[in-house]
Amino acid sequence: MSTIVTAKQGQTVDLICLMHYGRTAEVTELVLAANPDLAAVGIILPLGTKVFMPVAPSRQQAAKLTSLWE
């Protein structure tokens, strides 16, 4: 289920992803794609910034690798 998170003082997108999803790998890019205006705000988000948190793929789906020889 997707939700909206409000940034607290000193938070970054990575930190919000870690707190919301429990990880940053794969999901930070997903959150930035869902919130295209966040990149222009800067590394540390202003207090009260609304961040849309989309549904993230499961860890098994994210960890699936593709081989060139399959």
PDB file of N, CA and C in Angstrom:
ATOM      1  N   MET A   1       0.835  -1.170   0.000  1.00  0.00           N
ATOM      2  CA  MET A   1       0.000   0.000   0.000  1.00  0.00           C
ATOM      3  C   MET A   1       0.885   1.240   0.000  1.00  0.00           C
ATOM      4  N   SER A   2       0.625   2.155  -0.894  1.00  0.00           N
ATOM      5  CA  SER A   2       1.413   3.388  -0.953  1.00  0.00           C
ATOM      6  C   SER A   2       0.902   4.370   0.097  1.00  0.00           C
ATOM      7  N   THR A   3       1.824   5.183   0.598  1.00  0.00           N
ATOM      8  CA  THR A   3       1.491   6.164   1.622  1.00  0.00           C
ATOM      9  C   THR A   3       2.225   7.467   1.340  1.00  0.00           C
ATOM     10  N   ILE A   4       1.896   8.486   2.119  1.00  0.00           N
ATOM     11  CA  ILE A   4       2.605   9.763   2.049  1.00  0.00           C
ATOM     12  C   ILE A   4       3.260   9.994   3.399  1.00  0.00           C
ATOM     13  N   VAL A   5       4.557  10.302   3.361  1.00  0.00           N
ATOM     14  CA  VAL A   5       5.342  10.549   4.566  1.00  0.00           C
ATOM     15  C   VAL A   5       5.710  12.021   4.586  1.00  0.00           C
ATOM     16  N   THR A   6       5.665  12.629   5.762  1.00  0.00           N
ATOM     17  CA  THR A   6       6.069  14.020   5.923  1.00  0.00           C
ATOM     18  C   THR A   6       7.482  14.052   6.493  1.00  0.00           C
ATOM     19  N   ALA A   7       8.388  14.748   5.798  1.00  0.00           N
ATOM     20  CA  ALA A   7       9.790  14.810   6.215  1.00  0.00           C
ATOM     21  C   ALA A   7       9.931  15.591   7.515  1.00  0.00           C
ATOM     22  N   LYS A   8      10.786  15.054   8.382  1.00  0.00           N
ATOM     23  CA  LYS A   8      11.119  15.737   9.629  1.00  0.00           C
ATOM     24  C   LYS A   8      12.428  16.482   9.414  1.00  0.00           C
ATOM     25  N   GLN A   9      12.795  17.294  10.371  1.00  0.00           N
ATOM     26  CA  GLN A   9      13.990  18.115  10.247  1.00  0.00           C
ATOM     27  C   GLN A   9      15.232  17.263  10.032  1.00  0.00           C
ATOM     28  N   GLY A  10      16.004  17.599   9.001  1.00  0.00           N
ATOM     29  CA  GLY A  10      17.276  16.947   8.718  1.00  0.00           C
ATOM     30  C   GLY A  10      17.170  15.632   7.965  1.00  0.00           C
ATOM     31  N   GLN A  11      15.990  15.234   7.532  1.00  0.00           N
ATOM     32  CA  GLN A  11      15.850  13.956   6.839  1.00  0.00           C
ATOM     33  C   GLN A  11      16.198  14.070   5.360  1.00  0.00           C
ATOM     34  N   THR A  12      16.716  12.961   4.838  1.00  0.00           N
ATOM     35  CA  THR A  12      17.008  12.822   3.415  1.00  0.00           C
ATOM     36  C   THR A  12      16.063  11.763   2.843  1.00  0.00           C
ATOM     37  N   VAL A  13      16.019  11.654   1.539  1.00  0.00           N
ATOM     38  CA  VAL A  13      15.188  10.634   0.896  1.00  0.00           C
ATOM     39  C   VAL A  13      15.675   9.249   1.316  1.00  0.00           C
ATOM     40  N   ASP A  14      16.985   9.038   1.370  1.00  0.00           N
ATOM     41  CA  ASP A  14      17.541   7.748   1.803  1.00  0.00           C
ATOM     42  C   ASP A  14      17.080   7.381   3.212  1.00  0.00           C
ATOM     43  N   LEU A  15      17.113   8.336   4.119  1.00  0.00           N
ATOM     44  CA  LEU A  15      16.717   8.071   5.498  1.00  0.00           C
ATOM     45  C   LEU A  15      15.228   7.753   5.584  1.00  0.00           C
ATOM     46  N   ILE A  16      14.414   8.467   4.832  1.00  0.00           N
ATOM     47  CA  ILE A  16      12.980   8.183   4.819  1.00  0.00           C
ATOM     48  C   ILE A  16      12.730   6.783   4.257  1.00  0.00           C
ATOM     49  N   CYS A  17      13.451   6.409   3.209  1.00  0.00           N
ATOM     50  CA  CYS A  17      13.311   5.057   2.645  1.00  0.00           C
ATOM     51  C   CYS A  17      13.714   3.999   3.659  1.00  0.00           C
ATOM     52  N   LEU A  18      14.798   4.232   4.373  1.00  0.00           N
ATOM     53  CA  LEU A  18      15.257   3.286   5.381  1.00  0.00           C
ATOM     54  C   LEU A  18      14.220   3.136   6.487  1.00  0.00           C
ATOM     55  N   MET A  19      13.645   4.222   6.926  1.00  0.00           N
ATOM     56  CA  MET A  19      12.651   4.173   7.989  1.00  0.00           C
ATOM     57  C   MET A  19      11.336   3.550   7.509  1.00  0.00           C
ATOM     58  N   HIS A  20      10.943   3.818   6.283  1.00  0.00           N
ATOM     59  CA  HIS A  20       9.653   3.333   5.774  1.00  0.00           C
ATOM     60  C   HIS A  20       9.727   1.890   5.272  1.00  0.00           C
ATOM     61  N   TYR A  21      10.741   1.589   4.465  1.00  0.00           N
ATOM     62  CA  TYR A  21      10.862   0.261   3.854  1.00  0.00           C
ATOM     63  C   TYR A  21      11.819  -0.675   4.593  1.00  0.00           C
ATOM     64  N   GLY A  22      12.692  -0.116   5.424  1.00  0.00           N
ATOM     65  CA  GLY A  22      13.695  -0.934   6.101  1.00  0.00           C
ATOM     66  C   GLY A  22      14.924  -1.174   5.250  1.00  0.00           C
ATOM     67  N   ARG A  23      15.038  -0.481   4.138  1.00  0.00           N
ATOM     68  CA  ARG A  23      16.179  -0.620   3.221  1.00  0.00           C
ATOM     69  C   ARG A  23      16.237   0.606   2.318  1.00  0.00           C
ATOM     70  N   THR A  24      17.378   0.778   1.675  1.00  0.00           N
ATOM     71  CA  THR A  24      17.513   1.889   0.729  1.00  0.00           C
ATOM     72  C   THR A  24      17.787   1.389  -0.680  1.00  0.00           C
ATOM     73  N   ALA A  25      18.406   0.213  -0.787  1.00  0.00           N
ATOM     74  CA  ALA A  25      18.729  -0.334  -2.106  1.00  0.00           C
ATOM     75  C   ALA A  25      17.456  -0.537  -2.908  1.00  0.00           C
ATOM     76  N   GLU A  26      17.458  -0.173  -4.130  1.00  0.00           N
ATOM     77  CA  GLU A  26      16.368  -0.265  -5.112  1.00  0.00           C
ATOM     78  C   GLU A  26      15.219   0.704  -4.856  1.00  0.00           C
ATOM     79  N   VAL A  27      14.917   1.026  -3.601  1.00  0.00           N
ATOM     80  CA  VAL A  27      13.717   1.821  -3.346  1.00  0.00           C
ATOM     81  C   VAL A  27      13.948   3.327  -3.434  1.00  0.00           C
ATOM     82  N   THR A  28      15.171   3.784  -3.216  1.00  0.00           N
ATOM     83  CA  THR A  28      15.435   5.221  -3.303  1.00  0.00           C
ATOM     84  C   THR A  28      15.146   5.732  -4.709  1.00  0.00           C
ATOM     85  N   GLU A  29      15.593   5.003  -5.714  1.00  0.00           N
ATOM     86  CA  GLU A  29      15.337   5.391  -7.101  1.00  0.00           C
ATOM     87  C   GLU A  29      13.842   5.344  -7.409  1.00  0.00           C
ATOM     88  N   LEU A  30      13.151   4.370  -6.836  1.00  0.00           N
ATOM     89  CA  LEU A  30      11.712   4.239  -7.020  1.00  0.00           C
ATOM     90  C   LEU A  30      10.971   5.441  -6.430  1.00  0.00           C
ATOM     91  N   VAL A  31      11.377   5.869  -5.246  1.00  0.00           N
ATOM     92  CA  VAL A  31      10.756   7.021  -4.586  1.00  0.00           C
ATOM     93  C   VAL A  31      11.062   8.299  -5.356  1.00  0.00           C
ATOM     94  N   LEU A  32      12.289   8.462  -5.809  1.00  0.00           N
ATOM     95  CA  LEU A  32      12.636   9.663  -6.579  1.00  0.00           C
ATOM     96  C   LEU A  32      11.880   9.711  -7.910  1.00  0.00           C
ATOM     97  N   ALA A  33      11.650   8.561  -8.529  1.00  0.00           N
ATOM     98  CA  ALA A  33      10.882   8.519  -9.774  1.00  0.00           C
ATOM     99  C   ALA A  33       9.419   8.881  -9.520  1.00  0.00           C
ATOM    100  N   ALA A  34       8.899   8.495  -8.357  1.00  0.00           N
ATOM    101  CA  ALA A  34       7.506   8.799  -8.024  1.00  0.00           C
ATOM    102  C   ALA A  34       7.330  10.247  -7.567  1.00  0.00           C
ATOM    103  N   ASN A  35       8.428  10.894  -7.179  1.00  0.00           N
ATOM    104  CA  ASN A  35       8.411  12.285  -6.708  1.00  0.00           C
ATOM    105  C   ASN A  35       9.446  13.087  -7.487  1.00  0.00           C
ATOM    106  N   PRO A  36       9.184  13.404  -8.762  1.00  0.00           N
ATOM    107  CA  PRO A  36      10.213  14.037  -9.597  1.00  0.00           C
ATOM    108  C   PRO A  36      10.684  15.401  -9.092  1.00  0.00           C
ATOM    109  N   ASP A  37       9.908  16.084  -8.274  1.00  0.00           N
ATOM    110  CA  ASP A  37      10.311  17.401  -7.777  1.00  0.00           C
ATOM    111  C   ASP A  37      11.295  17.324  -6.607  1.00  0.00           C
ATOM    112  N   LEU A  38      11.457  16.165  -6.001  1.00  0.00           N
ATOM    113  CA  LEU A  38      12.344  16.044  -4.838  1.00  0.00           C
ATOM    114  C   LEU A  38      13.801  16.282  -5.175  1.00  0.00           C
ATOM    115  N   ALA A  39      14.238  15.899  -6.338  1.00  0.00           N
ATOM    116  CA  ALA A  39      15.647  16.058  -6.715  1.00  0.00           C
ATOM    117  C   ALA A  39      16.052  17.533  -6.727  1.00  0.00           C
ATOM    118  N   ALA A  40      15.130  18.415  -7.053  1.00  0.00           N
ATOM    119  CA  ALA A  40      15.436  19.844  -7.116  1.00  0.00           C
ATOM    120  C   ALA A  40      15.473  20.493  -5.731  1.00  0.00           C
ATOM    121  N   VAL A  41      14.925  19.826  -4.737  1.00  0.00           N
ATOM    122  CA  VAL A  41      14.856  20.390  -3.388  1.00  0.00           C
ATOM    123  C   VAL A  41      16.215  20.390  -2.709  1.00  0.00           C
ATOM    124  N   GLY A  42      17.016  19.373  -2.970  1.00  0.00           N
ATOM    125  CA  GLY A  42      18.318  19.258  -2.334  1.00  0.00           C
ATOM    126  C   GLY A  42      18.424  17.970  -1.553  1.00  0.00           C
ATOM    127  N   ILE A  43      19.593  17.719  -0.986  1.00  0.00           N
ATOM    128  CA  ILE A  43      19.837  16.468  -0.277  1.00  0.00           C
ATOM    129  C   ILE A  43      19.007  16.389   0.998  1.00  0.00           C
ATOM    130  N   ILE A  44      19.052  17.426   1.810  1.00  0.00           N
ATOM    131  CA  ILE A  44      18.260  17.452   3.041  1.00  0.00           C
ATOM    132  C   ILE A  44      16.926  18.107   2.719  1.00  0.00           C
ATOM    133  N   LEU A  45      15.865  17.368   2.960  1.00  0.00           N
ATOM    134  CA  LEU A  45      14.523  17.847   2.623  1.00  0.00           C
ATOM    135  C   LEU A  45      14.060  18.908   3.610  1.00  0.00           C
ATOM    136  N   PRO A  46      13.367  19.929   3.128  1.00  0.00           N
ATOM    137  CA  PRO A  46      12.807  20.917   4.044  1.00  0.00           C
ATOM    138  C   PRO A  46      11.770  20.271   4.971  1.00  0.00           C
ATOM    139  N   LEU A  47      11.690  20.769   6.170  1.00  0.00           N
ATOM    140  CA  LEU A  47      10.730  20.292   7.156  1.00  0.00           C
ATOM    141  C   LEU A  47       9.317  20.356   6.582  1.00  0.00           C
ATOM    142  N   GLY A  48       8.574  19.254   6.683  1.00  0.00           N
ATOM    143  CA  GLY A  48       7.197  19.220   6.214  1.00  0.00           C
ATOM    144  C   GLY A  48       7.007  18.820   4.767  1.00  0.00           C
ATOM    145  N   THR A  49       8.096  18.490   4.069  1.00  0.00           N
ATOM    146  CA  THR A  49       7.987  18.058   2.674  1.00  0.00           C
ATOM    147  C   THR A  49       7.210  16.749   2.614  1.00  0.00           C
ATOM    148  N   LYS A  50       6.208  16.687   1.742  1.00  0.00           N
ATOM    149  CA  LYS A  50       5.414  15.470   1.561  1.00  0.00           C
ATOM    150  C   LYS A  50       6.109  14.581   0.540  1.00  0.00           C
ATOM    151  N   VAL A  51       6.291  13.306   0.902  1.00  0.00           N
ATOM    152  CA  VAL A  51       6.972  12.339   0.033  1.00  0.00           C
ATOM    153  C   VAL A  51       6.031  11.161  -0.198  1.00  0.00           C
ATOM    154  N   PHE A  52       5.692  10.926  -1.462  1.00  0.00           N
ATOM    155  CA  PHE A  52       4.850   9.785  -1.827  1.00  0.00           C
ATOM    156  C   PHE A  52       5.714   8.534  -1.820  1.00  0.00           C
ATOM    157  N   MET A  53       5.293   7.534  -1.056  1.00  0.00           N
ATOM    158  CA  MET A  53       6.046   6.289  -0.932  1.00  0.00           C
ATOM    159  C   MET A  53       5.276   5.190  -1.669  1.00  0.00           C
ATOM    160  N   PRO A  54       5.699   4.843  -2.891  1.00  0.00           N
ATOM    161  CA  PRO A  54       4.990   3.813  -3.652  1.00  0.00           C
ATOM    162  C   PRO A  54       5.241   2.417  -3.082  1.00  0.00           C
ATOM    163  N   VAL A  55       4.467   1.480  -3.543  1.00  0.00           N
ATOM    164  CA  VAL A  55       4.662   0.088  -3.134  1.00  0.00           C
ATOM    165  C   VAL A  55       5.987  -0.391  -3.714  1.00  0.00           C
ATOM    166  N   ALA A  56       6.825  -0.940  -2.859  1.00  0.00           N
ATOM    167  CA  ALA A  56       8.148  -1.406  -3.292  1.00  0.00           C
ATOM    168  C   ALA A  56       8.092  -2.884  -3.652  1.00  0.00           C
ATOM    169  N   PRO A  57       8.941  -3.302  -4.593  1.00  0.00           N
ATOM    170  CA  PRO A  57       8.992  -4.743  -4.911  1.00  0.00           C
ATOM    171  C   PRO A  57       9.530  -5.518  -3.714  1.00  0.00           C
ATOM    172  N   SER A  58       9.155  -6.778  -3.620  1.00  0.00           N
ATOM    173  CA  SER A  58       9.659  -7.606  -2.530  1.00  0.00           C
ATOM    174  C   SER A  58      11.165  -7.784  -2.689  1.00  0.00           C
ATOM    175  N   ARG A  59      11.808  -8.191  -1.629  1.00  0.00           N
ATOM    176  CA  ARG A  59      13.267  -8.368  -1.682  1.00  0.00           C
ATOM    177  C   ARG A  59      13.670  -9.458  -2.668  1.00  0.00           C
ATOM    178  N   GLN A  60      12.847 -10.499  -2.827  1.00  0.00           N
ATOM    179  CA  GLN A  60      13.181 -11.556  -3.774  1.00  0.00           C
ATOM    180  C   GLN A  60      13.118 -11.029  -5.203  1.00  0.00           C
ATOM    181  N   GLN A  61      12.117 -10.213  -5.515  1.00  0.00           N
ATOM    182  CA  GLN A  61      12.002  -9.648  -6.859  1.00  0.00           C
ATOM    183  C   GLN A  61      13.147  -8.687  -7.137  1.00  0.00           C
ATOM    184  N   ALA A  62      13.523  -7.894  -6.162  1.00  0.00           N
ATOM    185  CA  ALA A  62      14.589  -6.922  -6.339  1.00  0.00           C
ATOM    186  C   ALA A  62      15.954  -7.594  -6.461  1.00  0.00           C
ATOM    187  N   ALA A  63      16.120  -8.745  -5.806  1.00  0.00           N
ATOM    188  CA  ALA A  63      17.420  -9.413  -5.792  1.00  0.00           C
ATOM    189  C   ALA A  63      17.631 -10.303  -7.010  1.00  0.00           C
ATOM    190  N   LYS A  64      16.617 -10.516  -7.822  1.00  0.00           N
ATOM    191  CA  LYS A  64      16.745 -11.387  -8.994  1.00  0.00           C
ATOM    192  C   LYS A  64      17.745 -10.790  -9.994  1.00  0.00           C
ATOM    193  N   LEU A  65      18.723 -11.560 -10.345  1.00  0.00           N
ATOM    194  CA  LEU A  65      19.751 -11.118 -11.285  1.00  0.00           C
ATOM    195  C   LEU A  65      19.539 -11.752 -12.634  1.00  0.00           C
ATOM    196  N   THR A  66      19.962 -11.071 -13.650  1.00  0.00           N
ATOM    197  CA  THR A  66      19.882 -11.600 -14.997  1.00  0.00           C
ATOM    198  C   THR A  66      21.287 -11.868 -15.505  1.00  0.00           C
ATOM    199  N   SER A  67      21.481 -13.026 -16.056  1.00  0.00           N
ATOM    200  CA  SER A  67      22.784 -13.393 -16.593  1.00  0.00           C
ATOM    201  C   SER A  67      22.771 -13.169 -18.104  1.00  0.00           C
ATOM    202  N   LEU A  68      23.890 -12.794 -18.638  1.00  0.00           N
ATOM    203  CA  LEU A  68      23.990 -12.587 -20.081  1.00  0.00           C
ATOM    204  C   LEU A  68      23.889 -13.904 -20.846  1.00  0.00           C
ATOM    205  N   TRP A  69      24.141 -15.019 -20.175  1.00  0.00           N
ATOM    206  CA  TRP A  69      24.178 -16.306 -20.850  1.00  0.00           C
ATOM    207  C   TRP A  69      22.956 -17.170 -20.579  1.00  0.00           C
ATOM    208  N   GLU A  70      21.866 -16.597 -20.061  1.00  0.00           N
ATOM    209  CA  GLU A  70      20.649 -17.385 -19.830  1.00  0.00           C
ATOM    210  C   GLU A  70      19.796 -17.450 -21.064  1.00  0.00           C
TER     211      GLU A  70
END
